[in-house]
Structure formats: structure tokens, C-alpha cells
Protein backbone atom coordinates (compact mmCIF):
# COMPACT_ATOMS: atom_id res chain seq x y z
CA MET A 1 9.21 -43.73 -24.36
CA ARG A 2 9.37 -41.89 -27.66
CA ARG A 3 9.14 -38.12 -27.26
CA PRO A 4 6.33 -36.37 -29.21
CA GLY A 5 7.49 -35.69 -32.75
CA TRP A 6 10.73 -37.64 -32.34
CA PRO A 7 11.93 -40.91 -33.94
CA SER A 8 12.95 -43.89 -31.84
CA ARG A 9 16.07 -43.50 -29.71
CA PHE A 10 17.93 -45.83 -32.07
CA TRP A 11 17.30 -43.67 -35.12
CA VAL A 12 18.03 -40.47 -33.21
CA ALA A 13 21.40 -41.97 -32.28
CA VAL A 14 22.07 -42.96 -35.90
CA ALA A 15 21.28 -39.47 -37.20
CA VAL A 16 23.25 -37.70 -34.49
CA THR A 17 26.26 -39.94 -35.09
CA ILE A 18 26.24 -38.94 -38.76
CA VAL A 19 25.15 -35.30 -38.66
CA LYS A 20 26.91 -33.79 -35.66
CA PRO A 21 30.49 -34.73 -36.66
CA ILE A 22 29.87 -33.43 -40.20
CA SER A 23 28.43 -30.19 -38.88
CA TRP A 24 31.21 -29.60 -36.36
CA LEU A 25 33.84 -30.38 -38.99
CA LEU A 26 32.42 -28.14 -41.70
CA VAL A 27 31.46 -24.97 -39.88
CA LYS A 28 31.95 -22.64 -36.96
CA LYS A 29 28.70 -21.74 -35.18
CA ASP A 30 27.01 -18.39 -34.67
CA TRP A 31 23.57 -19.32 -33.32
CA ARG A 32 21.30 -16.55 -32.06
CA GLY A 33 17.73 -16.21 -30.81
CA THR A 34 17.61 -19.75 -29.46
CA ASP A 35 15.37 -18.57 -26.61
CA ARG A 36 12.66 -17.85 -29.20
CA LEU A 37 12.46 -21.50 -30.26
CA PRO A 38 9.62 -23.27 -28.40
CA ARG A 39 10.91 -26.45 -26.75
CA ALA A 40 7.55 -28.26 -26.82
CA GLY A 41 4.31 -28.33 -28.79
CA GLY A 42 3.58 -28.43 -32.50
CA ILE A 43 5.26 -25.65 -34.47
CA ILE A 44 5.98 -24.70 -38.06
CA LEU A 45 9.56 -23.66 -38.61
CA ALA A 46 9.88 -21.55 -41.78
CA THR A 47 13.38 -20.92 -43.09
CA ASN A 48 15.22 -19.64 -46.15
CA HIS A 49 16.93 -22.02 -48.56
CA LEU A 50 20.47 -21.40 -49.78
CA SER A 51 22.12 -24.79 -50.31
CA TRP A 52 21.51 -28.53 -50.37
CA LEU A 53 23.50 -28.54 -47.13
CA ASP A 54 20.86 -26.48 -45.30
CA PRO A 55 18.86 -29.41 -43.87
CA VAL A 56 21.92 -30.94 -42.22
CA LEU A 57 23.09 -27.72 -40.58
CA ILE A 58 19.64 -26.54 -39.52
CA SER A 59 18.88 -30.00 -38.13
CA HIS A 60 21.95 -29.75 -35.92
CA TYR A 61 20.79 -26.33 -34.71
CA LEU A 62 17.34 -27.65 -33.87
CA TYR A 63 18.56 -30.82 -32.18
CA ASN A 64 20.96 -28.89 -29.95
CA ASN A 65 18.04 -26.70 -28.91
CA GLY A 66 15.68 -29.51 -28.01
CA ARG A 67 13.66 -29.96 -31.21
CA TRP A 68 13.60 -32.75 -33.77
CA PRO A 69 13.26 -31.46 -37.36
CA THR A 70 10.40 -33.06 -39.26
CA ILE A 71 11.61 -32.42 -42.80
CA LEU A 72 9.51 -32.42 -45.95
CA ALA A 73 11.55 -34.42 -48.46
CA LYS A 74 11.03 -35.26 -52.12
CA SER A 75 8.95 -38.41 -52.44
CA GLY A 76 11.56 -40.03 -54.68
CA LEU A 77 13.96 -40.36 -51.75
CA PHE A 78 11.58 -42.75 -50.03
CA SER A 79 11.94 -45.31 -52.82
CA VAL A 80 15.76 -45.40 -52.73
CA PRO A 81 16.99 -48.64 -51.14
CA LEU A 82 18.27 -48.20 -47.56
CA LEU A 83 18.14 -44.40 -47.80
CA GLY A 84 14.36 -44.50 -48.15
CA HIS A 85 14.02 -46.63 -45.05
CA MET A 86 16.28 -44.31 -43.08
CA VAL A 87 14.46 -41.17 -44.21
CA ARG A 88 11.14 -42.73 -43.24
CA GLU A 89 12.41 -43.79 -39.80
CA LEU A 90 13.74 -40.27 -39.21
CA MET A 91 10.16 -39.02 -39.47
CA ALA A 92 10.51 -37.14 -42.76
CA ILE A 93 7.32 -36.40 -44.71
CA PRO A 94 7.22 -37.20 -48.45
CA VAL A 95 6.35 -34.33 -50.78
CA TYR A 96 4.54 -35.32 -53.98
CA ARG A 97 5.10 -32.62 -56.57
CA GLY A 98 3.00 -32.10 -59.66
CA SER A 99 0.41 -34.74 -58.81
CA ALA A 100 -3.05 -35.12 -57.32
CA ASP A 101 -1.33 -36.42 -54.19
CA ALA A 102 0.39 -33.09 -53.42
CA ALA A 103 -2.03 -32.34 -50.57
CA ARG A 104 -1.01 -35.54 -48.77
CA SER A 105 2.14 -33.93 -47.40
CA LEU A 106 0.13 -31.10 -45.83
CA ALA A 107 -2.36 -33.54 -44.34
CA GLU A 108 0.48 -35.56 -42.82
CA SER A 109 2.13 -32.35 -41.58
CA GLU A 110 -1.11 -31.41 -39.85
CA ARG A 111 -1.18 -34.79 -38.08
CA ARG A 112 2.42 -34.41 -36.98
CA ILE A 113 1.81 -30.93 -35.59
CA ALA A 114 -1.12 -32.29 -33.60
CA ASP A 115 1.34 -34.82 -32.15
CA GLY A 116 3.73 -32.02 -31.12
CA ALA A 117 6.21 -32.10 -33.99
CA CYS A 118 8.44 -29.31 -35.30
CA VAL A 119 7.66 -29.34 -39.03
CA MET A 120 10.34 -27.56 -41.07
CA PHE A 121 9.25 -25.72 -44.20
CA TYR A 122 11.23 -24.09 -46.97
CA PRO A 123 8.42 -21.84 -48.25
CA GLU A 124 10.42 -20.96 -51.37
CA GLY A 125 10.20 -24.60 -52.41
CA THR A 126 13.76 -24.59 -53.75
CA CYS A 127 17.09 -22.87 -53.20
CA THR A 128 16.83 -19.16 -53.85
CA ARG A 129 17.72 -17.87 -57.28
CA ASP A 130 18.00 -14.29 -56.06
CA PRO A 131 21.44 -12.96 -57.14
CA GLY A 132 22.00 -11.55 -53.66
CA PHE A 133 20.81 -14.75 -51.93
CA TRP A 134 17.74 -13.07 -50.43
CA PRO A 135 14.53 -15.12 -50.03
CA MET A 136 12.27 -15.36 -53.05
CA GLU A 137 8.49 -15.28 -53.11
CA GLY A 138 7.10 -18.22 -51.15
CA LYS A 139 4.64 -20.96 -51.88
CA THR A 140 1.51 -21.10 -49.74
CA GLY A 141 1.88 -24.48 -48.02
CA ALA A 142 3.27 -23.20 -44.72
CA ALA A 143 0.62 -20.46 -44.50
CA ARG A 144 -2.17 -22.91 -45.29
CA LEU A 145 -0.93 -25.28 -42.57
CA ALA A 146 -0.57 -22.48 -40.03
CA LEU A 147 -4.06 -21.10 -40.62
CA ALA A 148 -5.60 -24.58 -40.59
CA THR A 149 -3.91 -25.69 -37.35
CA GLY A 150 -3.26 -22.48 -35.43
CA ALA A 151 0.33 -23.65 -34.88
CA PRO A 152 2.87 -20.85 -34.44
CA VAL A 153 5.14 -20.09 -37.38
CA ILE A 154 8.71 -19.54 -36.20
CA PRO A 155 10.87 -17.70 -38.77
CA VAL A 156 14.49 -18.85 -38.89
CA ALA A 157 17.12 -17.23 -41.11
CA HIS A 158 20.53 -18.70 -41.79
CA TRP A 159 23.62 -17.66 -43.69
CA GLY A 160 26.83 -19.43 -44.70
CA ALA A 161 25.77 -22.78 -46.14
CA GLN A 162 26.00 -21.36 -49.67
CA GLU A 163 29.69 -20.64 -49.10
CA ILE A 164 30.34 -24.33 -48.43
CA LEU A 165 28.13 -25.92 -51.07
CA PRO A 166 26.72 -23.47 -53.63
CA TYR A 167 23.42 -24.43 -55.22
CA GLY A 168 23.99 -26.81 -58.14
CA SER A 169 27.53 -27.69 -57.07
CA LYS A 170 28.60 -31.18 -56.02
CA ARG A 171 32.03 -30.12 -54.75
CA PRO A 172 32.02 -28.56 -51.27
CA ARG A 173 34.42 -25.74 -50.43
CA LEU A 174 35.64 -26.95 -47.06
CA TRP A 175 38.60 -24.67 -46.40
CA PRO A 176 38.98 -22.19 -44.94
CA ARG A 177 36.32 -23.23 -42.43
CA LYS A 178 33.13 -21.19 -42.83
CA THR A 179 30.76 -19.79 -40.20
CA PHE A 180 27.14 -20.92 -40.21
CA ARG A 181 24.94 -18.17 -38.77
CA VAL A 182 21.38 -18.73 -37.56
CA LEU A 183 18.86 -16.28 -36.14
CA THR A 184 15.44 -17.33 -34.83
CA GLY A 185 12.75 -14.65 -34.76
CA PRO A 186 9.52 -14.26 -32.82
CA PRO A 187 6.39 -16.06 -34.11
CA VAL A 188 4.87 -14.52 -37.22
CA ASP A 189 1.70 -12.61 -36.37
CA LEU A 190 -1.04 -14.14 -38.53
CA SER A 191 -3.89 -13.14 -36.23
CA LYS A 192 -5.54 -10.90 -38.83
CA TYR A 193 -6.29 -13.99 -40.94
CA GLU A 194 -8.01 -15.97 -38.18
CA GLY A 195 -11.49 -17.09 -39.15
CA GLN A 196 -11.08 -16.12 -42.79
CA PRO A 197 -11.72 -18.68 -45.54
CA LEU A 198 -8.50 -20.08 -46.96
CA HIS A 199 -8.90 -18.37 -50.30
CA ALA A 200 -5.94 -17.76 -52.62
CA ASP A 201 -5.65 -14.07 -51.69
CA VAL A 202 -5.58 -14.82 -47.97
CA LEU A 203 -2.96 -17.53 -48.42
CA ARG A 204 -0.79 -15.28 -50.60
CA GLU A 205 -0.92 -12.45 -48.06
CA ALA A 206 -0.14 -14.74 -45.14
CA THR A 207 2.73 -16.27 -47.14
CA ALA A 208 4.10 -12.79 -47.84
CA ASP A 209 4.03 -12.06 -44.09
CA ILE A 210 5.96 -15.26 -43.39
CA MET A 211 8.56 -14.50 -46.05
CA ALA A 212 8.89 -10.92 -44.79
CA ALA A 213 9.62 -12.23 -41.30
CA ILE A 214 12.32 -14.60 -42.59
CA THR A 215 13.81 -11.81 -44.70
CA ALA A 216 13.88 -9.41 -41.74
CA GLN A 217 15.81 -11.97 -39.69
CA LEU A 218 18.24 -12.51 -42.56
CA ALA A 219 18.78 -8.75 -42.98
CA GLU A 220 19.64 -8.52 -39.26
CA LEU A 221 21.91 -11.54 -39.51
CA ARG A 222 23.75 -10.12 -42.53
CA GLY A 223 23.71 -6.51 -41.33
CA GLU A 224 22.37 -5.44 -44.72
CA LYS A 225 19.20 -3.96 -46.15
CA ALA A 226 16.99 -6.47 -47.96
CA PRO A 227 15.39 -5.71 -51.34
CA GLU A 228 11.98 -4.06 -51.09
CA THR A 229 10.45 -6.56 -53.50
CA PRO A 230 11.22 -10.29 -53.23
CA PHE A 231 12.64 -12.11 -56.23
CA LYS A 232 10.01 -13.99 -58.23
CA ARG A 233 10.33 -17.74 -57.97
CA PRO A 234 11.05 -19.48 -61.32
CA SER A 235 7.82 -20.86 -62.77
CA ASP A 236 9.30 -24.36 -63.19
CA ASN A 237 9.86 -24.65 -59.43
């Protein structure tokens, strides 16, 4: 039987055959806080975004800790021959940007969470443009989904993917072998927003709490102090 939130065994095997060797080849692992990752039930995993390589490395982390990553992917990928079929079978959710259909991805995410999926969000919406690689201001999708469903938001910070494949680069820096560090934090406390209408101010405040939790985990992971004010996301993203 198919596990809740997981693809068929065939497609799990296909993905694992591709992803795990790449991950083991590219990086050394420093994975922390794995006991904070719920092994069952619908959750929202909110993480920072440093590189186009992030989804592969975070997916390996989640898989090895008993969760299948339900990734929100650009809708254009679903129309690419072969790749689109594979992405769909791997349970990814299409994201429609700049259209009246943008809410469809959240509605589908809500259905998946009800089925017990681990839905992975990059609240920044794009790789960070912060010069120090700290998280930027977030978009409100993850907060809206959390407040609508009551699903726990698990903040996950990672560090190292940007050293292998910097944002905008198509040439990976494979050697010397880098370390990919991950730290999972406790669920974000959004209890003060329970029962409140999902107005813009509420969603912005809840989003700020989510981003603050991710940033706190990243500061611990890096052993550095984070900026007091998050970098403003570029308006074209």
C-alpha cells in the first residue's frame, strides 16, 4: 500500500536511485535536530533557500528521516516532456505565479496535508539575495496554509548548498567536497493567531514569526549573529 503523502514504490525507487548517489557524492553530512521532525501526520516544512541544489539535498535529509518531501514546483516544469510526468508522479505541486490560478497550489497543499503529507515551503519564494545569505522577508503562503489547516510549521535551516552551486551559476564547484549542514527546530508557535481572520496584517505577522524561527536555526547552525532586520525581497520575485 502507498504510505500517506508518498508516491508509489516505483517512483520512490526511481527518485532514490537518482538523488541519493548525487547527494552522497557531492557533500558530507552534518544533520542535526532530526528528533524534532515528526515522522507522521501532515506538516508544513519551512526552510531557507540558498541554491537551486537545495531541493535535492533537503529531500535526501527528509527521506532518510522518514518523510517524503512534497515540493511546490514551478508550473512550467509540469509541461516539459518526460520531466513533467516524473515531477507529477513524485507528488510535486504546481505553483502558478502571476495568475488567477495562484491559489490552486495552496488548495492542493491543504488537501495533501489532510492526507498526511510533508509539504515543503520556501517562504522567501526564491533564493535569498541577502549579501550574507541570511533569509529574506517571506511571502505569506506558508502562514496562510498553517492557520487554515492547523498543521505544525517545522522550521529547517540549512547551510552549504550555496558553496556547491551558487545562485545563478550553472557550473557546480564539486571539489573540495563541501559539508551540507541541516538543523531542524521545534514547531513555530502560531497559537496567538488562532481564531483570527486571515487578514493581511495577521498573515504578515505570522510569516515574520516563521522566518524568525528559520533564521534562529540558521544562526545556531552558522554560529553567527543574524541581522536584526531581514533583507527585503526584490519586488520582481
